[in-house]
Amino acid sequence: MTQTATPPLAFESDHDEFAATRPAPSWQAALRAKGLASFRALGLPTSRDEDWLYTNVQPLARGHFPPAPEAQHPPTSLSSHRFLLGMDEGTRLVFLNGRYEASLSDTSDLPVGVTVESLAAVRDRGEVEHLGTVADASAHPFVALNQAYLDDGAVVRIQSGTVVHEPIQLLFLHDPVGHAVAVH
């Protein structure tokens, strides 16, 4: 009996280009490789998986969702943006197409004992000790896929005993590019 190999999903074949265009320190590259290996082993979930019994994700297998490019038309202000949820002021990290956008972010009013930074800002310092340890990429395909494409994100640290009275908003926006893309 002959078995035919399943062709790789676009998520898998896009990864080499992603890794080449978004360099990372060795610890992050290893985390990405581990995520990709887990995703390849798991594949997309099907209705045979209990957690996905009522969700058909097979259209994702037929589509092509390359990583989103850098935003070409970033907003110059968020003053009237509908996603601010009434939080016109306060601590906010804004990510545009998955990348931290400092010009739209505000971390100036943090209480003592609180730091909020982008992953890109801290990753070269190696200060991401818990990243990749909470959600299990070896058991959950979308966790694995997110880990494989790990690029930027928020790092929020709150010292024990510190009280944060105001919300810290993480705002993820997308600059349309005219075709389907993915942001992990």
N, C-alpha and C. Protein backbone atom coordinates (compact mmCIF):
# COMPACT_ATOMS: atom_id res chain seq x y z
N MET A 1 0.84 -1.16 0.00
CA MET A 1 0.00 0.00 0.00
C MET A 1 0.89 1.24 0.00
N THR A 2 0.61 2.17 -0.88
CA THR A 2 1.41 3.38 -1.00
C THR A 2 0.73 4.52 -0.25
N GLN A 3 1.52 5.24 0.52
CA GLN A 3 0.99 6.42 1.21
C GLN A 3 1.47 7.66 0.49
N THR A 4 0.59 8.61 0.33
CA THR A 4 1.00 9.87 -0.27
C THR A 4 1.22 10.88 0.83
N ALA A 5 2.28 11.63 0.68
CA ALA A 5 2.61 12.65 1.68
C ALA A 5 1.65 13.82 1.53
N THR A 6 1.21 14.33 2.64
CA THR A 6 0.35 15.50 2.63
C THR A 6 1.22 16.71 2.31
N PRO A 7 0.82 17.53 1.33
CA PRO A 7 1.63 18.72 1.04
C PRO A 7 1.61 19.67 2.23
N PRO A 8 2.69 20.38 2.44
CA PRO A 8 2.73 21.28 3.60
C PRO A 8 1.69 22.39 3.43
N LEU A 9 1.13 22.81 4.54
CA LEU A 9 0.22 23.95 4.53
C LEU A 9 1.03 25.21 4.25
N ALA A 10 0.37 26.23 3.74
CA ALA A 10 1.06 27.49 3.46
C ALA A 10 1.72 28.05 4.71
N PHE A 11 1.10 27.81 5.87
CA PHE A 11 1.70 28.28 7.12
C PHE A 11 3.11 27.72 7.29
N GLU A 12 3.28 26.47 6.88
CA GLU A 12 4.58 25.82 7.01
C GLU A 12 5.56 26.34 5.97
N SER A 13 5.12 26.43 4.72
CA SER A 13 6.03 26.83 3.65
C SER A 13 6.40 28.31 3.73
N ASP A 14 5.58 29.14 4.34
CA ASP A 14 5.90 30.57 4.50
C ASP A 14 6.91 30.83 5.60
N HIS A 15 7.12 29.84 6.45
CA HIS A 15 7.92 30.08 7.65
C HIS A 15 9.38 30.41 7.35
N ASP A 16 9.99 29.77 6.37
CA ASP A 16 11.40 30.05 6.06
C ASP A 16 11.60 31.51 5.67
N GLU A 17 10.71 32.02 4.83
CA GLU A 17 10.81 33.43 4.43
C GLU A 17 10.58 34.35 5.63
N PHE A 18 9.61 34.00 6.45
CA PHE A 18 9.34 34.78 7.66
C PHE A 18 10.59 34.85 8.54
N ALA A 19 11.18 33.71 8.81
CA ALA A 19 12.36 33.66 9.68
C ALA A 19 13.53 34.43 9.09
N ALA A 20 13.67 34.40 7.77
CA ALA A 20 14.77 35.12 7.11
C ALA A 20 14.56 36.64 7.15
N THR A 21 13.31 37.07 7.08
CA THR A 21 13.04 38.51 7.05
C THR A 21 12.81 39.11 8.42
N ARG A 22 12.64 38.26 9.43
CA ARG A 22 12.43 38.74 10.80
C ARG A 22 13.42 38.05 11.72
N PRO A 23 14.69 38.46 11.65
CA PRO A 23 15.71 37.80 12.46
C PRO A 23 15.38 37.89 13.95
N ALA A 24 15.89 36.91 14.68
CA ALA A 24 15.63 36.83 16.11
C ALA A 24 16.85 36.30 16.82
N PRO A 25 17.01 36.65 18.11
CA PRO A 25 18.10 36.05 18.88
C PRO A 25 17.93 34.54 18.95
N SER A 26 18.97 33.84 19.31
CA SER A 26 18.97 32.37 19.25
C SER A 26 17.86 31.75 20.10
N TRP A 27 17.57 32.29 21.29
CA TRP A 27 16.52 31.72 22.13
C TRP A 27 15.16 31.82 21.44
N GLN A 28 14.93 32.94 20.73
CA GLN A 28 13.65 33.12 20.06
C GLN A 28 13.56 32.25 18.80
N ALA A 29 14.66 32.13 18.09
CA ALA A 29 14.69 31.25 16.91
C ALA A 29 14.42 29.81 17.32
N ALA A 30 14.96 29.39 18.46
CA ALA A 30 14.72 28.03 18.96
C ALA A 30 13.25 27.85 19.34
N LEU A 31 12.65 28.85 19.96
CA LEU A 31 11.24 28.79 20.32
C LEU A 31 10.37 28.70 19.06
N ARG A 32 10.72 29.49 18.04
CA ARG A 32 9.99 29.43 16.77
C ARG A 32 10.10 28.03 16.14
N ALA A 33 11.31 27.49 16.12
CA ALA A 33 11.52 26.16 15.52
C ALA A 33 10.73 25.09 16.27
N LYS A 34 10.70 25.20 17.58
CA LYS A 34 9.93 24.24 18.38
C LYS A 34 8.44 24.36 18.06
N GLY A 35 7.95 25.59 17.91
CA GLY A 35 6.55 25.81 17.56
C GLY A 35 6.21 25.24 16.19
N LEU A 36 7.11 25.46 15.22
CA LEU A 36 6.87 24.94 13.87
C LEU A 36 6.86 23.41 13.87
N ALA A 37 7.79 22.81 14.60
CA ALA A 37 7.82 21.34 14.69
C ALA A 37 6.54 20.81 15.32
N SER A 38 6.06 21.48 16.35
CA SER A 38 4.81 21.06 16.99
C SER A 38 3.65 21.20 16.04
N PHE A 39 3.60 22.31 15.31
CA PHE A 39 2.50 22.51 14.36
C PHE A 39 2.52 21.44 13.27
N ARG A 40 3.71 21.13 12.78
CA ARG A 40 3.81 20.09 11.75
C ARG A 40 3.34 18.74 12.28
N ALA A 41 3.64 18.45 13.52
CA ALA A 41 3.23 17.18 14.11
C ALA A 41 1.72 17.15 14.38
N LEU A 42 1.16 18.27 14.77
CA LEU A 42 -0.25 18.32 15.13
C LEU A 42 -1.18 18.56 13.94
N GLY A 43 -0.74 19.45 13.03
CA GLY A 43 -1.61 19.85 11.93
C GLY A 43 -2.78 20.67 12.44
N LEU A 44 -3.62 21.09 11.53
CA LEU A 44 -4.81 21.83 11.93
C LEU A 44 -5.80 20.88 12.60
N PRO A 45 -6.52 21.36 13.59
CA PRO A 45 -7.50 20.49 14.24
C PRO A 45 -8.67 20.19 13.30
N THR A 46 -9.32 19.09 13.56
CA THR A 46 -10.50 18.69 12.77
C THR A 46 -11.65 18.44 13.74
N SER A 47 -12.79 18.14 13.18
CA SER A 47 -13.95 17.85 14.03
C SER A 47 -13.78 16.55 14.81
N ARG A 48 -12.74 15.79 14.52
CA ARG A 48 -12.44 14.60 15.33
C ARG A 48 -11.76 14.96 16.65
N ASP A 49 -11.27 16.21 16.75
CA ASP A 49 -10.69 16.70 17.99
C ASP A 49 -11.81 17.28 18.84
N GLU A 50 -11.97 16.79 20.04
CA GLU A 50 -13.09 17.18 20.91
C GLU A 50 -13.23 18.70 21.04
N ASP A 51 -12.12 19.39 21.24
CA ASP A 51 -12.18 20.85 21.41
C ASP A 51 -12.65 21.57 20.15
N TRP A 52 -12.58 20.91 19.02
CA TRP A 52 -12.92 21.53 17.73
C TRP A 52 -14.10 20.83 17.06
N LEU A 53 -14.87 20.13 17.83
CA LEU A 53 -15.97 19.33 17.31
C LEU A 53 -16.95 20.15 16.47
N TYR A 54 -17.19 21.40 16.86
CA TYR A 54 -18.18 22.21 16.17
C TYR A 54 -17.57 23.37 15.37
N THR A 55 -16.28 23.34 15.17
CA THR A 55 -15.62 24.41 14.43
C THR A 55 -14.84 23.83 13.27
N ASN A 56 -15.19 24.25 12.07
CA ASN A 56 -14.50 23.78 10.88
C ASN A 56 -13.38 24.76 10.52
N VAL A 57 -12.14 24.37 10.74
CA VAL A 57 -11.01 25.24 10.41
C VAL A 57 -10.37 24.85 9.08
N GLN A 58 -10.96 23.91 8.37
CA GLN A 58 -10.37 23.46 7.11
C GLN A 58 -10.24 24.56 6.04
N PRO A 59 -11.10 25.59 6.02
CA PRO A 59 -10.84 26.68 5.07
C PRO A 59 -9.46 27.32 5.26
N LEU A 60 -8.92 27.27 6.49
CA LEU A 60 -7.57 27.78 6.72
C LEU A 60 -6.53 26.96 5.96
N ALA A 61 -6.79 25.66 5.83
CA ALA A 61 -5.85 24.78 5.12
C ALA A 61 -5.82 25.10 3.63
N ARG A 62 -6.94 25.56 3.10
CA ARG A 62 -7.02 25.86 1.67
C ARG A 62 -6.56 27.28 1.35
N GLY A 63 -6.48 28.14 2.34
CA GLY A 63 -6.12 29.53 2.12
C GLY A 63 -4.63 29.78 2.23
N HIS A 64 -4.25 30.97 1.89
CA HIS A 64 -2.86 31.39 2.04
C HIS A 64 -2.86 32.69 2.83
N PHE A 65 -2.22 32.67 3.97
CA PHE A 65 -2.19 33.81 4.87
C PHE A 65 -0.74 34.12 5.24
N PRO A 66 -0.01 34.79 4.34
CA PRO A 66 1.38 35.12 4.67
C PRO A 66 1.42 36.13 5.82
N PRO A 67 2.55 36.22 6.50
CA PRO A 67 2.66 37.20 7.58
C PRO A 67 2.40 38.62 7.06
N ALA A 68 1.70 39.40 7.85
CA ALA A 68 1.37 40.78 7.47
C ALA A 68 2.64 41.60 7.29
N PRO A 69 2.70 42.41 6.24
CA PRO A 69 3.86 43.28 6.06
C PRO A 69 3.79 44.46 7.02
N GLU A 70 4.87 45.21 7.08
CA GLU A 70 4.85 46.43 7.88
C GLU A 70 3.75 47.33 7.37
N ALA A 71 3.12 48.06 8.27
CA ALA A 71 2.03 48.96 7.89
C ALA A 71 2.57 50.06 6.97
N GLN A 72 1.86 50.30 5.90
CA GLN A 72 2.24 51.33 4.96
C GLN A 72 1.56 52.66 5.25
N HIS A 73 0.44 52.62 5.97
CA HIS A 73 -0.33 53.84 6.25
C HIS A 73 -0.73 53.90 7.72
N PRO A 74 0.26 54.00 8.61
CA PRO A 74 -0.09 54.02 10.03
C PRO A 74 -0.88 55.29 10.36
N PRO A 75 -1.85 55.17 11.26
CA PRO A 75 -2.57 56.38 11.67
C PRO A 75 -1.62 57.31 12.41
N THR A 76 -1.90 58.59 12.33
CA THR A 76 -1.06 59.57 13.04
C THR A 76 -1.60 59.86 14.43
N SER A 77 -2.83 59.44 14.68
CA SER A 77 -3.46 59.68 15.97
C SER A 77 -4.52 58.61 16.21
N LEU A 78 -4.79 58.35 17.47
CA LEU A 78 -5.86 57.44 17.85
C LEU A 78 -6.99 58.20 18.53
N SER A 79 -7.00 59.52 18.43
CA SER A 79 -7.92 60.34 19.22
C SER A 79 -9.38 59.94 19.07
N SER A 80 -9.79 59.47 17.94
CA SER A 80 -11.20 59.10 17.76
C SER A 80 -11.36 57.64 17.34
N HIS A 81 -10.37 56.83 17.62
CA HIS A 81 -10.43 55.44 17.17
C HIS A 81 -11.49 54.67 17.95
N ARG A 82 -12.29 53.88 17.25
CA ARG A 82 -13.42 53.18 17.87
C ARG A 82 -12.98 52.08 18.84
N PHE A 83 -11.74 51.62 18.75
CA PHE A 83 -11.29 50.55 19.61
C PHE A 83 -10.68 51.04 20.93
N LEU A 84 -10.68 52.32 21.16
CA LEU A 84 -10.15 52.83 22.43
C LEU A 84 -11.07 52.51 23.59
N LEU A 85 -12.30 52.16 23.30
CA LEU A 85 -13.27 51.75 24.32
C LEU A 85 -13.41 52.80 25.42
N GLY A 86 -13.38 54.06 25.03
CA GLY A 86 -13.54 55.14 25.99
C GLY A 86 -12.30 55.44 26.81
N MET A 87 -11.20 54.81 26.49
CA MET A 87 -9.96 55.01 27.23
C MET A 87 -9.04 55.93 26.42
N ASP A 88 -9.37 57.21 26.42
CA ASP A 88 -8.59 58.16 25.63
C ASP A 88 -7.22 58.43 26.21
N GLU A 89 -7.06 58.20 27.51
CA GLU A 89 -5.78 58.43 28.17
C GLU A 89 -5.36 57.18 28.91
N GLY A 90 -4.13 57.15 29.36
CA GLY A 90 -3.64 56.03 30.14
C GLY A 90 -2.59 55.24 29.39
N THR A 91 -2.14 54.20 30.04
CA THR A 91 -1.08 53.36 29.47
C THR A 91 -1.65 52.54 28.33
N ARG A 92 -0.95 52.59 27.20
CA ARG A 92 -1.42 51.87 26.02
C ARG A 92 -0.21 51.46 25.18
N LEU A 93 -0.19 50.21 24.80
CA LEU A 93 0.75 49.73 23.79
C LEU A 93 -0.05 49.42 22.54
N VAL A 94 0.37 49.99 21.42
CA VAL A 94 -0.33 49.79 20.15
C VAL A 94 0.56 48.96 19.24
N PHE A 95 -0.06 47.95 18.64
CA PHE A 95 0.62 47.10 17.68
C PHE A 95 -0.10 47.23 16.35
N LEU A 96 0.65 47.50 15.31
CA LEU A 96 0.09 47.68 13.98
C LEU A 96 0.64 46.59 13.08
N ASN A 97 -0.23 45.76 12.56
CA ASN A 97 0.18 44.58 11.77
C ASN A 97 1.16 43.70 12.56
N GLY A 98 0.95 43.63 13.87
CA GLY A 98 1.75 42.75 14.71
C GLY A 98 3.05 43.35 15.21
N ARG A 99 3.31 44.61 14.88
CA ARG A 99 4.56 45.25 15.31
C ARG A 99 4.24 46.45 16.21
N TYR A 100 5.05 46.60 17.24
CA TYR A 100 4.87 47.71 18.18
C TYR A 100 4.99 49.03 17.45
N GLU A 101 4.07 49.93 17.74
CA GLU A 101 4.07 51.27 17.13
C GLU A 101 4.23 52.30 18.24
N ALA A 102 5.49 52.74 18.48
CA ALA A 102 5.80 53.64 19.58
C ALA A 102 5.08 54.98 19.46
N SER A 103 4.90 55.48 18.24
CA SER A 103 4.29 56.80 18.06
C SER A 103 2.84 56.85 18.52
N LEU A 104 2.18 55.71 18.63
CA LEU A 104 0.78 55.66 19.05
C LEU A 104 0.63 55.12 20.48
N SER A 105 1.72 54.73 21.08
CA SER A 105 1.70 54.14 22.41
C SER A 105 2.02 55.16 23.48
N ASP A 106 1.64 54.88 24.72
CA ASP A 106 1.92 55.77 25.84
C ASP A 106 2.17 54.94 27.09
N THR A 107 3.41 55.00 27.56
CA THR A 107 3.77 54.30 28.80
C THR A 107 4.30 55.28 29.84
N SER A 108 3.92 56.55 29.71
CA SER A 108 4.50 57.59 30.56
C SER A 108 3.89 57.66 31.96
N ASP A 109 2.75 57.04 32.19
CA ASP A 109 2.05 57.22 33.47
C ASP A 109 1.93 55.92 34.26
N LEU A 110 2.98 55.13 34.24
CA LEU A 110 2.95 53.86 34.96
C LEU A 110 3.31 54.05 36.43
N PRO A 111 2.65 53.32 37.32
CA PRO A 111 3.04 53.40 38.72
C PRO A 111 4.40 52.72 38.96
N VAL A 112 5.03 53.07 40.04
CA VAL A 112 6.29 52.43 40.42
C VAL A 112 6.04 50.94 40.59
N GLY A 113 6.92 50.12 40.04
CA GLY A 113 6.79 48.68 40.15
C GLY A 113 6.14 48.05 38.93
N VAL A 114 5.83 48.87 37.92
CA VAL A 114 5.19 48.36 36.71
C VAL A 114 6.03 48.76 35.50
N THR A 115 6.34 47.79 34.65
CA THR A 115 6.98 48.10 33.36
C THR A 115 6.14 47.47 32.26
N VAL A 116 6.02 48.20 31.17
CA VAL A 116 5.28 47.75 30.01
C VAL A 116 6.13 48.08 28.79
N GLU A 117 6.54 47.04 28.06
CA GLU A 117 7.39 47.23 26.90
C GLU A 117 6.97 46.27 25.80
N SER A 118 7.49 46.51 24.61
CA SER A 118 7.25 45.55 23.54
C SER A 118 8.27 44.43 23.65
N LEU A 119 7.89 43.26 23.17
CA LEU A 119 8.82 42.13 23.16
C LEU A 119 10.07 42.47 22.36
N ALA A 120 9.90 43.19 21.25
CA ALA A 120 11.05 43.57 20.43
C ALA A 120 12.05 44.40 21.22
N ALA A 121 11.57 45.19 22.17
CA ALA A 121 12.47 46.04 22.97
C ALA A 121 13.26 45.25 24.00
N VAL A 122 12.70 44.16 24.51
CA VAL A 122 13.38 43.43 25.58
C VAL A 122 14.04 42.14 25.13
N ARG A 123 13.72 41.65 23.93
CA ARG A 123 14.20 40.31 23.56
C ARG A 123 15.71 40.21 23.45
N ASP A 124 16.38 41.28 23.05
CA ASP A 124 17.84 41.21 22.96
C ASP A 124 18.50 41.21 24.34
N ARG A 125 17.75 41.65 25.34
CA ARG A 125 18.26 41.62 26.72
C ARG A 125 18.01 40.26 27.35
N GLY A 126 17.26 39.40 26.68
CA GLY A 126 16.98 38.06 27.20
C GLY A 126 16.06 38.06 28.40
N GLU A 127 15.20 39.09 28.51
CA GLU A 127 14.34 39.23 29.69
C GLU A 127 12.92 38.71 29.44
N VAL A 128 12.81 37.51 28.95
CA VAL A 128 11.49 36.96 28.64
C VAL A 128 11.40 35.53 29.18
N GLU A 129 11.66 35.40 30.47
CA GLU A 129 11.82 34.08 31.08
C GLU A 129 10.59 33.19 31.02
N HIS A 130 9.38 33.75 30.95
CA HIS A 130 8.17 32.91 30.96
C HIS A 130 7.56 32.71 29.58
N LEU A 131 8.13 33.32 28.58
CA LEU A 131 7.56 33.24 27.23
C LEU A 131 7.63 31.80 26.72
N GLY A 132 6.51 31.29 26.25
CA GLY A 132 6.45 29.94 25.73
C GLY A 132 6.30 28.86 26.78
N THR A 133 6.01 29.25 28.03
CA THR A 133 5.91 28.25 29.09
C THR A 133 4.49 28.04 29.63
N VAL A 134 3.56 28.90 29.28
CA VAL A 134 2.22 28.80 29.85
C VAL A 134 1.29 27.97 28.97
N ALA A 135 1.13 28.35 27.73
CA ALA A 135 0.29 27.58 26.81
C ALA A 135 1.15 26.48 26.19
N ASP A 136 0.57 25.30 26.02
CA ASP A 136 1.31 24.13 25.57
C ASP A 136 1.27 23.99 24.05
N ALA A 137 2.36 24.38 23.40
CA ALA A 137 2.45 24.29 21.94
C ALA A 137 2.50 22.85 21.45
N SER A 138 2.88 21.93 22.29
CA SER A 138 2.95 20.54 21.85
C SER A 138 1.57 19.87 21.82
N ALA A 139 0.57 20.53 22.40
CA ALA A 139 -0.77 19.95 22.45
C ALA A 139 -1.83 20.76 21.71
N HIS A 140 -1.51 22.01 21.38
CA HIS A 140 -2.51 22.90 20.78
C HIS A 140 -1.96 23.52 19.49
N PRO A 141 -2.53 23.15 18.35
CA PRO A 141 -1.97 23.59 17.07
C PRO A 141 -1.88 25.10 16.88
N PHE A 142 -2.87 25.86 17.36
CA PHE A 142 -2.81 27.30 17.16
C PHE A 142 -1.81 27.97 18.10
N VAL A 143 -1.59 27.38 19.25
CA VAL A 143 -0.51 27.86 20.13
C VAL A 143 0.83 27.60 19.43
N ALA A 144 0.97 26.42 18.84
CA ALA A 144 2.21 26.08 18.12
C ALA A 144 2.44 27.03 16.95
N LEU A 145 1.37 27.32 16.20
CA LEU A 145 1.50 28.23 15.06
C LEU A 145 1.89 29.63 15.51
N ASN A 146 1.28 30.11 16.58
CA ASN A 146 1.65 31.43 17.11
C ASN A 146 3.10 31.44 17.58
N GLN A 147 3.54 30.37 18.20
CA GLN A 147 4.92 30.29 18.65
C GLN A 147 5.88 30.25 17.46
N ALA A 148 5.51 29.56 16.41
CA ALA A 148 6.36 29.46 15.22
C ALA A 148 6.57 30.83 14.57
N TYR A 149 5.57 31.68 14.67
CA TYR A 149 5.64 33.00 14.05
C TYR A 149 5.84 34.12 15.07
N LEU A 150 6.34 33.79 16.23
CA LEU A 150 6.56 34.77 17.28
C LEU A 150 7.50 35.88 16.81
N ASP A 151 7.02 37.11 16.89
CA ASP A 151 7.84 38.23 16.47
C ASP A 151 7.82 39.35 17.50
N ASP A 152 6.65 39.88 17.79
CA ASP A 152 6.55 40.99 18.73
C ASP A 152 5.33 40.75 19.62
N GLY A 153 5.22 41.51 20.66
CA GLY A 153 4.12 41.38 21.60
C GLY A 153 4.36 42.29 22.78
N ALA A 154 3.54 42.18 23.77
CA ALA A 154 3.65 43.02 24.96
C ALA A 154 4.28 42.24 26.10
N VAL A 155 5.14 42.91 26.83
CA VAL A 155 5.74 42.35 28.04
C VAL A 155 5.30 43.28 29.18
N VAL A 156 4.45 42.76 30.05
CA VAL A 156 3.93 43.53 31.17
C VAL A 156 4.44 42.88 32.45
N ARG A 157 5.14 43.67 33.26
CA ARG A 157 5.67 43.16 34.52
C ARG A 157 5.12 44.02 35.67
N ILE A 158 4.55 43.34 36.65
CA ILE A 158 4.00 44.03 37.80
C ILE A 158 4.60 43.38 39.05
N GLN A 159 5.37 44.17 39.79
CA GLN A 159 6.02 43.64 40.99
C GLN A 159 4.97 43.22 42.01
N SER A 160 5.29 42.19 42.75
CA SER A 160 4.41 41.70 43.79
C SER A 160 4.06 42.84 44.75
N GLY A 161 2.79 42.94 45.08
CA GLY A 161 2.34 43.97 46.01
C GLY A 161 2.00 45.30 45.35
N THR A 162 2.27 45.43 44.09
CA THR A 162 1.97 46.67 43.37
C THR A 162 0.51 46.68 42.96
N VAL A 163 -0.13 47.81 43.15
CA VAL A 163 -1.53 47.98 42.76
C VAL A 163 -1.57 48.85 41.51
N VAL A 164 -2.26 48.37 40.49
CA VAL A 164 -2.44 49.14 39.26
C VAL A 164 -3.90 49.57 39.23
N HIS A 165 -4.14 50.87 39.35
CA HIS A 165 -5.50 51.38 39.46
C HIS A 165 -6.18 51.59 38.12
N GLU A 166 -5.43 51.81 37.10
CA GLU A 166 -5.99 52.07 35.77
C GLU A 166 -5.63 50.92 34.83
N PRO A 167 -6.49 50.59 33.89
CA PRO A 167 -6.20 49.51 32.95
C PRO A 167 -4.98 49.81 32.08
N ILE A 168 -4.29 48.76 31.70
CA ILE A 168 -3.22 48.85 30.72
C ILE A 168 -3.81 48.29 29.43
N GLN A 169 -3.92 49.14 28.44
CA GLN A 169 -4.57 48.72 27.19
C GLN A 169 -3.55 48.25 26.17
N LEU A 170 -3.80 47.08 25.60
CA LEU A 170 -3.03 46.57 24.48
C LEU A 170 -3.95 46.63 23.28
N LEU A 171 -3.58 47.42 22.29
CA LEU A 171 -4.43 47.65 21.13
C LEU A 171 -3.74 47.09 19.89
N PHE A 172 -4.40 46.15 19.25
CA PHE A 172 -3.86 45.50 18.06
C PHE A 172 -4.68 45.94 16.85
N LEU A 173 -4.04 46.69 15.96
CA LEU A 173 -4.71 47.23 14.78
C LEU A 173 -4.10 46.62 13.52
N HIS A 174 -4.85 46.74 12.44
CA HIS A 174 -4.39 46.18 11.18
C HIS A 174 -4.53 47.22 10.08
N ASP A 175 -3.47 47.41 9.32
CA ASP A 175 -3.46 48.29 8.16
C ASP A 175 -3.74 47.42 6.94
N PRO A 176 -4.92 47.54 6.35
CA PRO A 176 -5.29 46.64 5.24
C PRO A 176 -4.26 46.67 4.11
N VAL A 177 -4.02 45.49 3.54
CA VAL A 177 -3.04 45.37 2.44
C VAL A 177 -3.66 44.84 1.17
N GLY A 178 -4.96 44.55 1.17
CA GLY A 178 -5.62 44.14 -0.06
C GLY A 178 -5.70 42.63 -0.29
N HIS A 179 -5.11 41.85 0.60
CA HIS A 179 -5.20 40.40 0.50
C HIS A 179 -5.11 39.82 1.91
N ALA A 180 -5.46 38.56 2.03
CA ALA A 180 -5.46 37.91 3.34
C ALA A 180 -4.03 37.80 3.89
N VAL A 181 -3.86 38.11 5.14
CA VAL A 181 -2.57 37.97 5.83
C VAL A 181 -2.82 37.45 7.24
N ALA A 182 -1.78 37.06 7.91
CA ALA A 182 -1.88 36.59 9.29
C ALA A 182 -1.01 37.46 10.19
N VAL A 183 -1.50 37.66 11.39
CA VAL A 183 -0.74 38.33 12.44
C VAL A 183 -0.78 37.40 13.63
N HIS A 184 0.38 37.00 14.11
CA HIS A 184 0.44 36.06 15.23
C HIS A 184 0.93 36.79 16.45
